[in-house]
Amino acid sequence: MTAAVPVLRFRDFSLAYRGAAGRLRSVLEHVDLEVPAGGLHLLVGPSGSGKSSLLKLITGAWETREPAPRRSGRCEVLGVPVRSSLARQLRGRVQAVFQDEGLLDELTPRQNVEMALRAARRSVRLAPALLAGAGLATPPAEVAELSGGMRKRVAVARALAGDPELLLFDEPTAGLDETAAREIAELIAATQRHGAERPGLARRNTIVITHDLRAFEGLADGVLRIDPARRALRLEPASPRAGVTADAATASPESSTSDVVDLHGVRRLLLEVGDYGLNFADAVARILPRHAAIALRTVGRFVVESAFFVVLGCATVGGLATFFALRNNPLEGAFAAAVVGGAGKVLVSVLVPLLAGFFFTARIAAGAAARLGTMKRTGQVQALRMLGVRPADYLLIPLVWGCTLAMPALTAAGIVMASAASWLATRLVTGMQGQGWAAAYVGELSVRDVGFVAAKTLLAGFLIAVQTYHLAMGPKRSGRDVGVSVNSAIVSGMVVVLFTHALLTLLQFR
């Protein structure tokens, strides 16, 4: 790759996509354009004109559960033809900083940069220099302590960790005051002028989506302007006056073009099913954790977070079930040992594992869906993909280990507490001593029963983890979408518990 190859090249290129309502929207039509390499170009246009769609196409960030954009003609990035996903030849050469930065809240600012360096197979010792170059020689200890401008600087340092040839920014000055916006613009220009370490690349290619051209006054080499009325893309000289008219136009309405038979809903359903299959396959194929420490922390966190809820609920049910079984004995106290044995069989084999699964799901699935859904909405998941890191390794596999191991452990704790409550109820109603109660309580149980309990909890935990991850990784355009995924994770998780336990219980007692 040399500097003579245009950073972007369009030949009779057209781009359209279907919005959330299924209507076809045309963004560009028959574009012929070359963007020279080695420059800082601003991509401007009114809201809704297609800037984000073009960014998704260049970076391969199109949602896997949405129909791929309709495209015709030819689009090349760094001389490589692109489609709806990032070409293999461009991985590591193209990097993006999204509007929400996509910093991982669980890592420190330095660890965010170190993760990108490891993904690029570079020394993590470069992290302090990258942060210092971005104006953060001594960053705060936690991402939550970063100001808006600091977050932008950490995101720039992380994006530079892979030494990309093309660096894209989505509204990097949004939410900043005029002084901070100018500082970020100057930082972006500095990273572009200094160029990359790749042989033959004197200056880095940089494209910035922005409404704030005034912040980049005197820094840009050109302006890429989307004309929504003509569905055209033009390359114009940089001009201070461009900032005044950047949003003067109004985005064109959605095209009324439709298929003879509207298959949009069917496409989405098939994509949902296909994506679930991929997530399930990832959970199985990559089950050995690449980051064991994260997986173990997840197991411990899930146990601690839900232990009180599960134990209290199971103890309450165990005590009440035994109490009313003995008090309503039609034989007026006769065969109390048999009643206790039946209670033990039902509690240990069926009732407590089922209820523990419900309690666990209500607490853990909701929290995991909220956390992962927020990460998806704020760009953290896409940032991992751009860095060459598989989100499944950091997010799905720890969740699978957490649910699959924590659920049987908590079920065992629930059985212990339910049994203790059962003994108290038995003592209260019949006065039976502990040794006699224990012999009666476990008299109907077998090793096979214990094996089925373990199978129920392990399988249900695994399926809940995959289902929760799948729901959280769906398109998230707003906080409402995150809330919907949380509710869906709770309901679907309980359905998984119910059917898993019902099926295996029928096999157990067939």
Protein backbone atom coordinates (compact mmCIF):
# COMPACT_ATOMS: atom_id res chain seq x y z
CA MET A 1 0.00 0.00 0.00
CA THR A 2 1.40 3.39 -1.00
CA ALA A 3 0.28 6.96 -0.45
CA ALA A 4 -0.71 7.22 -4.15
CA VAL A 5 -3.75 4.96 -3.66
CA PRO A 6 -6.84 7.08 -2.83
CA VAL A 7 -8.18 6.61 0.68
CA LEU A 8 -11.70 6.35 -0.79
CA ARG A 9 -12.76 5.64 -4.36
CA PHE A 10 -16.35 5.46 -5.63
CA ARG A 11 -17.31 4.31 -9.11
CA ASP A 12 -20.99 4.63 -10.07
CA PHE A 13 -21.71 3.87 -6.42
CA SER A 14 -25.22 3.80 -4.92
CA LEU A 15 -26.18 3.05 -1.32
CA ALA A 16 -29.59 2.45 0.25
CA TYR A 17 -30.81 0.75 3.41
CA ARG A 18 -34.05 -0.12 5.14
CA GLY A 19 -34.92 1.82 8.27
CA ALA A 20 -36.54 0.42 11.41
CA ALA A 21 -39.98 0.65 9.80
CA GLY A 22 -38.82 -1.35 6.79
CA ARG A 23 -38.99 1.49 4.26
CA LEU A 24 -36.16 1.76 1.76
CA ARG A 25 -34.02 4.88 2.08
CA SER A 26 -31.58 5.95 -0.62
CA VAL A 27 -28.42 7.65 0.66
CA LEU A 28 -26.19 7.96 -2.43
CA GLU A 29 -26.84 7.44 -6.13
CA HIS A 30 -24.27 7.00 -8.92
CA VAL A 31 -21.38 8.63 -7.08
CA ASP A 32 -18.02 8.95 -8.89
CA LEU A 33 -15.39 10.35 -6.55
CA GLU A 34 -11.83 9.89 -5.34
CA VAL A 35 -10.55 11.14 -1.97
CA PRO A 36 -6.77 11.61 -2.07
CA ALA A 37 -4.62 9.90 0.52
CA GLY A 38 -2.71 11.61 3.29
CA GLY A 39 -5.30 14.22 4.20
CA LEU A 40 -7.73 15.20 6.92
CA HIS A 41 -11.21 15.38 5.41
CA LEU A 42 -14.44 16.40 7.10
CA LEU A 43 -17.64 14.53 6.23
CA VAL A 44 -20.61 16.87 6.59
CA GLY A 45 -24.30 16.92 5.80
CA PRO A 46 -27.61 17.51 7.56
CA SER A 47 -28.87 15.08 10.18
CA GLY A 48 -30.29 12.00 8.54
CA SER A 49 -28.43 12.53 5.28
CA GLY A 50 -26.50 9.25 5.53
CA LYS A 51 -23.20 10.15 7.22
CA SER A 52 -23.55 7.34 9.76
CA SER A 53 -24.55 4.88 7.03
CA LEU A 54 -21.41 5.72 5.10
CA LEU A 55 -19.32 5.36 8.27
CA LYS A 56 -20.84 1.92 8.92
CA LEU A 57 -20.00 0.84 5.38
CA ILE A 58 -16.38 2.04 5.58
CA THR A 59 -15.78 0.48 9.01
CA GLY A 60 -17.86 -2.68 8.52
CA ALA A 61 -20.02 -1.71 11.50
CA TRP A 62 -23.36 -2.68 9.98
CA GLU A 63 -25.66 -4.52 12.40
CA THR A 64 -25.60 -8.26 11.75
CA ARG A 65 -29.32 -8.53 12.59
CA GLU A 66 -30.37 -5.87 10.12
CA PRO A 67 -30.67 -6.48 6.37
CA ALA A 68 -27.43 -5.55 4.64
CA PRO A 69 -27.48 -2.22 2.79
CA ARG A 70 -28.33 -2.25 -0.86
CA ARG A 71 -25.36 -1.16 -2.87
CA SER A 72 -24.31 -1.06 -6.49
CA GLY A 73 -21.20 0.10 -8.27
CA ARG A 74 -17.84 0.03 -6.55
CA CYS A 75 -16.57 1.40 -3.24
CA GLU A 76 -12.91 1.01 -2.29
CA VAL A 77 -11.18 1.83 1.01
CA LEU A 78 -7.39 2.02 0.73
CA GLY A 79 -7.73 0.24 -2.61
CA VAL A 80 -9.74 -2.67 -1.14
CA PRO A 81 -13.36 -3.22 -2.27
CA VAL A 82 -15.78 -3.10 0.68
CA ARG A 83 -19.26 -4.43 1.21
CA SER A 84 -21.40 -4.52 4.36
CA SER A 85 -18.64 -6.00 6.54
CA LEU A 86 -15.01 -5.01 6.92
CA ALA A 87 -12.80 -6.84 4.44
CA ARG A 88 -10.14 -9.08 5.93
CA GLN A 89 -7.42 -7.07 4.13
CA LEU A 90 -8.49 -3.94 6.03
CA ARG A 91 -8.44 -5.36 9.55
CA GLY A 92 -5.94 -3.43 11.61
CA ARG A 93 -5.58 -0.79 8.89
CA VAL A 94 -8.88 0.97 9.60
CA GLN A 95 -9.84 2.26 13.03
CA ALA A 96 -12.75 4.38 14.26
CA VAL A 97 -13.57 6.49 17.29
CA PHE A 98 -17.34 6.54 17.75
CA GLN A 99 -19.35 9.36 19.25
CA ASP A 100 -19.73 7.59 22.63
CA GLU A 101 -16.01 6.69 22.60
CA GLY A 102 -16.72 3.04 23.49
CA LEU A 103 -14.29 2.92 26.42
CA LEU A 104 -14.66 -0.19 28.58
CA ASP A 105 -15.82 1.00 32.00
CA GLU A 106 -14.43 -2.10 33.73
CA LEU A 107 -10.87 -1.24 32.67
CA THR A 108 -8.75 1.73 33.64
CA PRO A 109 -7.88 4.28 30.93
CA ARG A 110 -4.42 2.75 30.62
CA GLN A 111 -5.84 -0.78 30.44
CA ASN A 112 -8.15 0.33 27.61
CA VAL A 113 -5.08 1.34 25.61
CA GLU A 114 -3.15 -1.78 26.63
CA MET A 115 -5.99 -3.99 25.40
CA ALA A 116 -5.74 -2.34 21.97
CA LEU A 117 -1.97 -2.77 21.95
CA ARG A 118 -2.29 -6.50 22.75
CA ALA A 119 -4.86 -6.90 19.98
CA ALA A 120 -2.38 -5.27 17.57
CA ARG A 121 0.44 -7.49 18.92
CA ARG A 122 2.37 -4.47 20.17
CA SER A 123 4.06 -3.92 23.52
CA VAL A 124 1.78 -2.67 26.30
CA ARG A 125 4.68 -0.48 27.42
CA LEU A 126 3.65 1.93 24.68
CA ALA A 127 0.46 2.82 26.55
CA PRO A 128 1.88 5.69 28.66
CA ALA A 129 3.46 7.28 25.58
CA LEU A 130 0.22 7.04 23.61
CA LEU A 131 -1.75 8.59 26.47
CA ALA A 132 0.82 11.34 26.89
CA GLY A 133 0.72 12.02 23.15
CA ALA A 134 -3.05 12.44 23.46
CA GLY A 135 -2.58 14.95 26.27
CA LEU A 136 -3.16 12.60 29.23
CA ALA A 137 0.21 11.90 30.78
CA THR A 138 -1.46 11.13 34.14
CA PRO A 139 -5.02 9.92 33.49
CA PRO A 140 -7.45 9.26 36.37
CA ALA A 141 -7.56 5.77 37.82
CA GLU A 142 -11.10 4.99 36.57
CA VAL A 143 -12.92 5.66 33.32
CA ALA A 144 -15.85 7.05 35.35
CA GLU A 145 -13.58 9.89 36.54
CA LEU A 146 -12.81 11.09 33.00
CA SER A 147 -14.34 14.32 31.76
CA GLY A 148 -15.84 14.50 28.27
CA GLY A 149 -12.62 15.84 26.77
CA MET A 150 -10.52 13.26 28.61
CA ARG A 151 -12.69 10.44 27.26
CA LYS A 152 -12.05 11.68 23.72
CA ARG A 153 -8.29 11.74 24.38
CA VAL A 154 -8.23 8.18 25.76
CA ALA A 155 -10.28 7.02 22.77
CA VAL A 156 -7.78 8.66 20.39
CA ALA A 157 -4.85 7.02 22.20
CA ARG A 158 -6.56 3.63 22.02
CA ALA A 159 -7.35 4.04 18.32
CA LEU A 160 -3.71 4.90 17.60
CA ALA A 161 -2.50 1.79 19.44
CA GLY A 162 -2.94 -0.30 16.30
CA ASP A 163 -1.16 2.32 14.10
CA PRO A 164 -4.02 2.43 11.55
CA GLU A 165 -3.67 3.83 8.04
CA LEU A 166 -7.20 5.25 8.12
CA LEU A 167 -8.67 6.80 11.24
CA LEU A 168 -12.34 7.84 11.36
CA PHE A 169 -14.07 9.99 13.97
CA ASP A 170 -17.81 10.29 14.55
CA GLU A 171 -18.69 13.72 15.99
CA PRO A 172 -15.52 13.96 18.14
CA THR A 173 -16.38 17.45 19.43
CA ALA A 174 -20.01 16.74 20.33
CA GLY A 175 -20.90 17.87 23.85
CA LEU A 176 -17.70 19.90 24.32
CA ASP A 177 -17.40 23.65 24.79
CA GLU A 178 -15.69 25.74 22.13
CA THR A 179 -12.25 25.62 23.76
CA ALA A 180 -12.31 21.85 24.40
CA ALA A 181 -13.67 21.22 20.89
CA ARG A 182 -10.78 23.13 19.36
CA GLU A 183 -8.27 21.20 21.49
CA ILE A 184 -9.70 17.86 20.28
CA ALA A 185 -9.67 19.09 16.68
CA GLU A 186 -6.01 20.09 17.03
CA LEU A 187 -5.21 16.70 18.58
CA ILE A 188 -6.83 14.92 15.63
CA ALA A 189 -4.91 17.10 13.19
CA ALA A 190 -1.67 16.38 15.04
CA THR A 191 -2.18 12.62 14.85
CA GLN A 192 -2.84 12.96 11.12
CA ARG A 193 0.17 15.18 10.39
CA HIS A 194 2.59 12.99 12.31
CA GLY A 195 1.57 10.10 10.10
CA ALA A 196 1.89 6.42 10.81
CA GLU A 197 4.84 4.12 11.32
CA ARG A 198 3.97 2.03 8.28
CA PRO A 199 6.59 2.20 5.50
CA GLY A 200 5.63 4.55 2.66
CA LEU A 201 2.88 6.31 4.63
CA ALA A 202 3.98 9.89 5.26
CA ARG A 203 0.66 11.14 6.62
CA ARG A 204 -2.22 9.28 8.19
CA ASN A 205 -5.60 9.31 6.44
CA THR A 206 -8.26 10.87 8.64
CA ILE A 207 -11.99 11.36 8.07
CA VAL A 208 -14.10 13.23 10.62
CA ILE A 209 -17.89 13.28 10.69
CA THR A 210 -18.84 16.59 12.24
CA HIS A 211 -21.38 19.40 12.38
CA ASP A 212 -18.78 21.70 13.95
CA LEU A 213 -16.58 22.79 11.06
CA ARG A 214 -15.58 25.91 12.93
CA ALA A 215 -13.57 23.80 15.40
CA PHE A 216 -11.54 22.43 12.46
CA GLU A 217 -10.96 25.81 10.80
CA GLY A 218 -7.52 25.86 9.19
CA LEU A 219 -6.88 22.20 10.02
CA ALA A 220 -8.74 20.25 7.32
CA ASP A 221 -7.54 19.52 3.79
CA GLY A 222 -11.02 19.16 2.34
CA VAL A 223 -14.73 18.68 3.00
CA LEU A 224 -16.80 15.72 1.85
CA ARG A 225 -20.35 17.03 1.61
CA ILE A 226 -23.43 14.82 1.28
CA ASP A 227 -26.19 16.50 -0.73
CA PRO A 228 -29.39 14.70 0.36
CA ALA A 229 -31.53 16.37 -2.31
CA ARG A 230 -29.36 14.99 -5.13
CA ARG A 231 -28.13 11.98 -3.12
CA ALA A 232 -24.64 13.05 -4.10
CA LEU A 233 -21.24 13.17 -2.42
CA ARG A 234 -18.88 16.02 -3.34
CA LEU A 235 -15.31 16.86 -2.37
CA GLU A 236 -14.90 20.58 -1.68
CA PRO A 237 -11.99 22.72 -0.52
CA ALA A 238 -11.91 23.40 3.22
CA SER A 239 -13.46 26.77 3.98
CA PRO A 240 -14.16 28.63 7.23
CA ARG A 241 -17.62 29.50 5.88
CA ALA A 242 -18.48 25.83 5.40
CA GLY A 243 -19.30 25.52 9.08
CA VAL A 244 -22.12 28.03 8.71
CA THR A 245 -23.92 26.00 6.04
CA ALA A 246 -23.10 22.46 7.10
CA ASP A 247 -26.65 21.80 8.34
CA ALA A 248 -28.56 24.20 6.14
CA ALA A 249 -30.04 21.47 3.97
CA THR A 250 -32.77 19.11 5.05
CA ALA A 251 -32.38 15.38 4.74
CA SER A 252 -34.43 13.81 2.00
CA PRO A 253 -37.47 11.79 3.03
CA GLU A 254 -37.46 8.05 2.93
CA SER A 255 -37.98 6.58 -0.47
CA SER A 256 -41.34 4.98 -1.10
CA THR A 257 -39.68 2.17 -3.02
CA SER A 258 -40.84 -1.20 -1.73
CA ASP A 259 -40.58 -4.84 -2.68
CA VAL A 260 -43.51 -6.46 -4.48
CA VAL A 261 -43.84 -8.59 -1.36
CA ASP A 262 -42.57 -6.94 1.83
CA LEU A 263 -40.17 -9.49 3.28
CA HIS A 264 -38.48 -7.08 5.66
CA GLY A 265 -39.91 -8.72 8.78
CA VAL A 266 -39.02 -12.19 7.50
CA ARG A 267 -35.45 -11.08 6.79
CA ARG A 268 -35.08 -9.69 10.30
CA LEU A 269 -36.44 -12.89 11.82
CA LEU A 270 -34.04 -15.04 9.81
CA LEU A 271 -31.14 -12.78 10.77
CA GLU A 272 -32.15 -13.02 14.44
CA VAL A 273 -32.22 -16.81 14.27
CA GLY A 274 -28.92 -16.93 12.41
CA ASP A 275 -27.25 -14.59 14.90
CA TYR A 276 -28.52 -16.67 17.83
CA GLY A 277 -27.00 -19.73 16.18
CA LEU A 278 -23.66 -17.93 15.86
CA ASN A 279 -23.77 -16.88 19.52
CA PHE A 280 -24.59 -20.43 20.59
CA ALA A 281 -21.75 -21.79 18.45
CA ASP A 282 -19.35 -19.23 19.96
CA ALA A 283 -20.41 -20.24 23.47
CA VAL A 284 -19.61 -23.88 22.70
CA ALA A 285 -16.51 -23.49 20.54
CA ARG A 286 -14.84 -20.85 22.72
CA ILE A 287 -15.97 -22.22 26.09
CA LEU A 288 -12.39 -22.40 27.39
CA PRO A 289 -11.93 -18.82 28.63
CA ARG A 290 -9.19 -16.72 27.04
CA HIS A 291 -9.41 -14.45 30.08
CA ALA A 292 -9.78 -16.83 33.02
CA ALA A 293 -9.55 -14.07 35.63
CA ILE A 294 -12.58 -12.29 34.16
CA ALA A 295 -14.56 -15.56 34.05
CA LEU A 296 -13.75 -16.39 37.68
CA ARG A 297 -14.64 -12.87 38.82
CA THR A 298 -17.96 -13.20 37.00
CA VAL A 299 -18.74 -16.49 38.77
CA GLY A 300 -17.95 -14.95 42.15
CA ARG A 301 -19.93 -11.81 41.42
CA PHE A 302 -23.02 -13.75 40.34
CA VAL A 303 -22.90 -15.91 43.47
CA VAL A 304 -22.55 -12.92 45.79
CA GLU A 305 -25.16 -10.78 44.03
CA SER A 306 -27.92 -13.40 44.07
CA ALA A 307 -27.06 -15.55 47.13
CA PHE A 308 -29.30 -13.76 49.64
CA PHE A 309 -32.27 -13.66 47.26
CA VAL A 310 -31.97 -17.36 46.30
CA VAL A 311 -31.27 -18.67 49.81
CA LEU A 312 -34.05 -16.68 51.48
CA GLY A 313 -36.61 -17.68 48.84
CA CYS A 314 -35.71 -21.38 48.94
CA ALA A 315 -35.68 -21.46 52.76
CA THR A 316 -39.12 -19.86 52.87
CA VAL A 317 -40.56 -22.33 50.37
CA GLY A 318 -38.91 -25.34 52.05
CA GLY A 319 -40.22 -24.43 55.48
CA LEU A 320 -43.75 -23.57 54.37
CA ALA A 321 -44.10 -26.63 52.12
CA THR A 322 -43.11 -29.01 54.93
CA PHE A 323 -45.20 -27.18 57.53
CA PHE A 324 -48.43 -27.35 55.57
CA ALA A 325 -47.78 -30.91 54.37
CA LEU A 326 -47.52 -32.08 57.98
CA ARG A 327 -50.33 -29.91 59.35
CA ASN A 328 -52.72 -31.07 56.63
CA ASN A 329 -51.82 -34.76 56.94
CA PRO A 330 -55.20 -36.53 56.52
CA LEU A 331 -53.94 -39.33 58.77
CA GLU A 332 -53.55 -36.84 61.65
CA GLY A 333 -49.85 -37.28 62.25
CA ALA A 334 -49.51 -40.91 61.28
CA PHE A 335 -46.73 -41.80 58.87
CA ALA A 336 -45.03 -38.43 59.50
CA ALA A 337 -41.74 -39.92 58.35
CA ALA A 338 -43.29 -40.79 54.99
CA VAL A 339 -44.61 -37.23 54.62
CA VAL A 340 -41.15 -35.84 55.43
CA GLY A 341 -39.58 -38.23 52.92
CA GLY A 342 -42.01 -37.12 50.22
CA ALA A 343 -41.31 -33.48 51.04
CA GLY A 344 -37.58 -34.10 50.76
CA LYS A 345 -37.99 -35.81 47.40
CA VAL A 346 -40.09 -33.00 45.94
CA LEU A 347 -38.07 -30.15 47.43
CA VAL A 348 -34.62 -31.43 46.47
CA SER A 349 -35.48 -32.95 43.09
CA VAL A 350 -38.03 -30.50 41.71
CA LEU A 351 -39.23 -27.49 43.65
CA VAL A 352 -36.05 -25.90 45.04
CA PRO A 353 -33.99 -26.21 41.79
CA LEU A 354 -36.89 -24.70 39.84
CA LEU A 355 -37.38 -21.79 42.24
CA ALA A 356 -33.63 -21.21 42.57
CA GLY A 357 -33.50 -20.95 38.77
CA PHE A 358 -36.32 -18.37 38.79
CA PHE A 359 -34.73 -16.30 41.57
CA PHE A 360 -31.29 -16.46 39.93
CA THR A 361 -32.67 -15.44 36.53
CA ALA A 362 -34.64 -12.50 37.91
CA ARG A 363 -31.51 -11.10 39.56
CA ILE A 364 -28.70 -11.99 37.16
CA ALA A 365 -30.30 -11.95 33.69
CA ALA A 366 -31.69 -8.46 34.30
CA GLY A 367 -28.37 -7.07 35.47
CA ALA A 368 -26.36 -8.73 32.70
CA ALA A 369 -28.78 -7.59 29.99
CA ALA A 370 -28.71 -4.02 31.31
CA ARG A 371 -24.91 -3.93 31.47
CA LEU A 372 -24.29 -5.54 28.08
CA GLY A 373 -27.12 -3.62 26.42
CA THR A 374 -25.64 -0.34 27.64
CA MET A 375 -22.24 -1.38 26.33
CA LYS A 376 -23.84 -2.07 22.95
CA ARG A 377 -25.69 1.27 22.91
CA THR A 378 -22.60 3.29 23.85
CA GLY A 379 -20.37 1.67 21.24
CA GLN A 380 -18.18 -0.38 23.57
CA VAL A 381 -18.96 -3.63 21.74
CA GLN A 382 -18.27 -2.13 18.32
CA ALA A 383 -15.05 -0.62 19.67
CA LEU A 384 -13.88 -4.11 20.64
CA ARG A 385 -14.58 -5.37 17.13
CA MET A 386 -12.73 -2.43 15.57
CA LEU A 387 -9.71 -3.25 17.73
CA GLY A 388 -9.74 -6.83 16.47
CA VAL A 389 -10.97 -8.21 19.82
CA ARG A 390 -13.78 -10.77 19.78
CA PRO A 391 -16.57 -9.48 22.07
CA ALA A 392 -17.48 -13.09 22.87
CA ASP A 393 -14.15 -13.60 24.63
CA TYR A 394 -14.64 -10.61 26.93
CA LEU A 395 -18.42 -10.69 27.34
CA LEU A 396 -20.13 -13.94 26.30
CA ILE A 397 -17.72 -16.54 27.71
CA PRO A 398 -17.46 -14.95 31.19
CA LEU A 399 -21.27 -14.74 31.22
CA VAL A 400 -21.55 -18.41 30.27
CA TRP A 401 -19.14 -19.44 33.01
CA GLY A 402 -20.86 -17.18 35.52
CA CYS A 403 -24.35 -18.56 34.88
CA THR A 404 -23.35 -22.18 34.31
CA LEU A 405 -21.33 -22.46 37.54
CA ALA A 406 -23.15 -20.00 39.79
CA MET A 407 -26.59 -21.52 39.26
CA PRO A 408 -25.71 -25.05 40.51
CA ALA A 409 -23.75 -23.56 43.42
CA LEU A 410 -26.66 -21.37 44.46
CA THR A 411 -29.11 -24.21 43.93
CA ALA A 412 -27.04 -26.34 46.30
CA ALA A 413 -27.09 -23.52 48.85
CA GLY A 414 -30.83 -23.19 48.35
CA ILE A 415 -31.31 -26.93 48.94
CA VAL A 416 -29.31 -26.73 52.16
CA MET A 417 -31.33 -23.80 53.47
CA ALA A 418 -34.65 -25.28 52.32
CA SER A 419 -33.74 -28.53 54.10
CA ALA A 420 -32.83 -26.66 57.28
CA ALA A 421 -36.15 -24.81 57.16
CA SER A 422 -37.92 -28.13 56.53
CA TRP A 423 -36.33 -29.60 59.64
CA LEU A 424 -37.44 -26.61 61.74
CA ALA A 425 -40.98 -26.97 60.43
CA THR A 426 -40.93 -30.72 61.15
CA ARG A 427 -39.68 -30.14 64.68
CA LEU A 428 -42.33 -27.51 65.25
CA VAL A 429 -45.24 -29.68 64.08
CA THR A 430 -44.19 -33.21 65.16
CA GLY A 431 -41.29 -32.79 67.59
CA MET A 432 -39.22 -35.21 65.48
CA GLN A 433 -35.52 -35.24 66.39
CA GLY A 434 -32.80 -34.30 63.92
CA GLN A 435 -31.48 -37.82 63.30
CA GLY A 436 -34.93 -39.22 62.61
CA TRP A 437 -35.82 -36.28 60.38
CA ALA A 438 -32.59 -36.66 58.36
CA ALA A 439 -33.14 -40.37 57.78
CA ALA A 440 -36.70 -39.73 56.60
CA TYR A 441 -35.85 -36.63 54.54
CA VAL A 442 -33.17 -38.29 52.39
CA GLY A 443 -34.77 -41.73 52.38
CA GLU A 444 -36.45 -41.25 49.01
CA LEU A 445 -33.48 -39.51 47.37
CA SER A 446 -30.92 -41.24 45.14
CA VAL A 447 -27.71 -40.43 43.34
CA ARG A 448 -29.73 -40.31 40.12
CA ASP A 449 -31.85 -37.50 41.58
CA VAL A 450 -28.73 -35.49 42.40
CA GLY A 451 -27.40 -36.06 38.88
CA PHE A 452 -30.61 -34.73 37.33
CA VAL A 453 -30.54 -31.65 39.58
CA ALA A 454 -26.99 -30.93 38.43
CA ALA A 455 -27.96 -31.43 34.78
CA LYS A 456 -30.98 -29.12 35.08
CA THR A 457 -29.04 -26.29 36.64
CA LEU A 458 -26.00 -26.57 34.38
CA LEU A 459 -28.07 -26.67 31.18
CA ALA A 460 -30.43 -23.90 32.27
CA GLY A 461 -27.51 -21.69 33.30
CA PHE A 462 -25.79 -22.16 29.94
CA LEU A 463 -28.95 -21.43 27.93
CA ILE A 464 -29.80 -18.36 30.04
CA ALA A 465 -26.32 -16.94 29.42
CA VAL A 466 -26.57 -17.38 25.63
CA GLN A 467 -30.12 -15.99 25.53
CA THR A 468 -29.24 -12.96 27.67
CA TYR A 469 -26.18 -12.18 25.56
CA HIS A 470 -28.17 -12.54 22.35
CA LEU A 471 -30.85 -10.11 23.53
CA ALA A 472 -28.30 -7.60 24.83
CA MET A 473 -26.30 -7.61 21.57
CA GLY A 474 -29.27 -6.64 19.42
CA PRO A 475 -29.46 -3.13 17.88
CA LYS A 476 -29.65 -0.49 20.63
CA ARG A 477 -30.66 2.95 19.39
CA SER A 478 -31.92 4.29 22.72
CA GLY A 479 -32.28 3.56 26.41
CA ARG A 480 -35.72 2.16 25.66
CA ASP A 481 -34.16 -0.61 23.57
CA VAL A 482 -31.95 -1.51 26.53
CA GLY A 483 -35.00 -1.65 28.81
CA VAL A 484 -36.82 -3.91 26.37
CA SER A 485 -33.87 -6.31 26.28
CA VAL A 486 -33.78 -6.41 30.11
CA ASN A 487 -37.47 -7.34 30.34
CA SER A 488 -37.08 -9.88 27.55
CA ALA A 489 -34.07 -11.44 29.27
CA ILE A 490 -36.04 -11.94 32.49
CA VAL A 491 -39.11 -13.43 30.81
CA SER A 492 -37.24 -15.61 28.32
CA GLY A 493 -34.82 -16.74 31.04
CA MET A 494 -37.67 -17.93 33.24
CA VAL A 495 -39.20 -19.72 30.27
CA VAL A 496 -35.85 -21.45 29.68
CA VAL A 497 -35.71 -22.52 33.34
CA LEU A 498 -39.29 -23.78 33.26
CA PHE A 499 -38.94 -25.85 30.09
CA THR A 500 -35.48 -27.19 30.95
CA HIS A 501 -36.61 -28.36 34.36
CA ALA A 502 -39.93 -29.68 33.05
CA LEU A 503 -38.26 -31.73 30.31
CA LEU A 504 -35.55 -33.22 32.51
CA THR A 505 -37.99 -33.86 35.38
CA LEU A 506 -40.21 -35.86 33.04
CA LEU A 507 -37.16 -37.87 31.97
CA GLN A 508 -36.19 -38.31 35.62
CA PHE A 509 -39.56 -39.73 36.71
CA ARG A 510 -40.67 -41.37 33.48
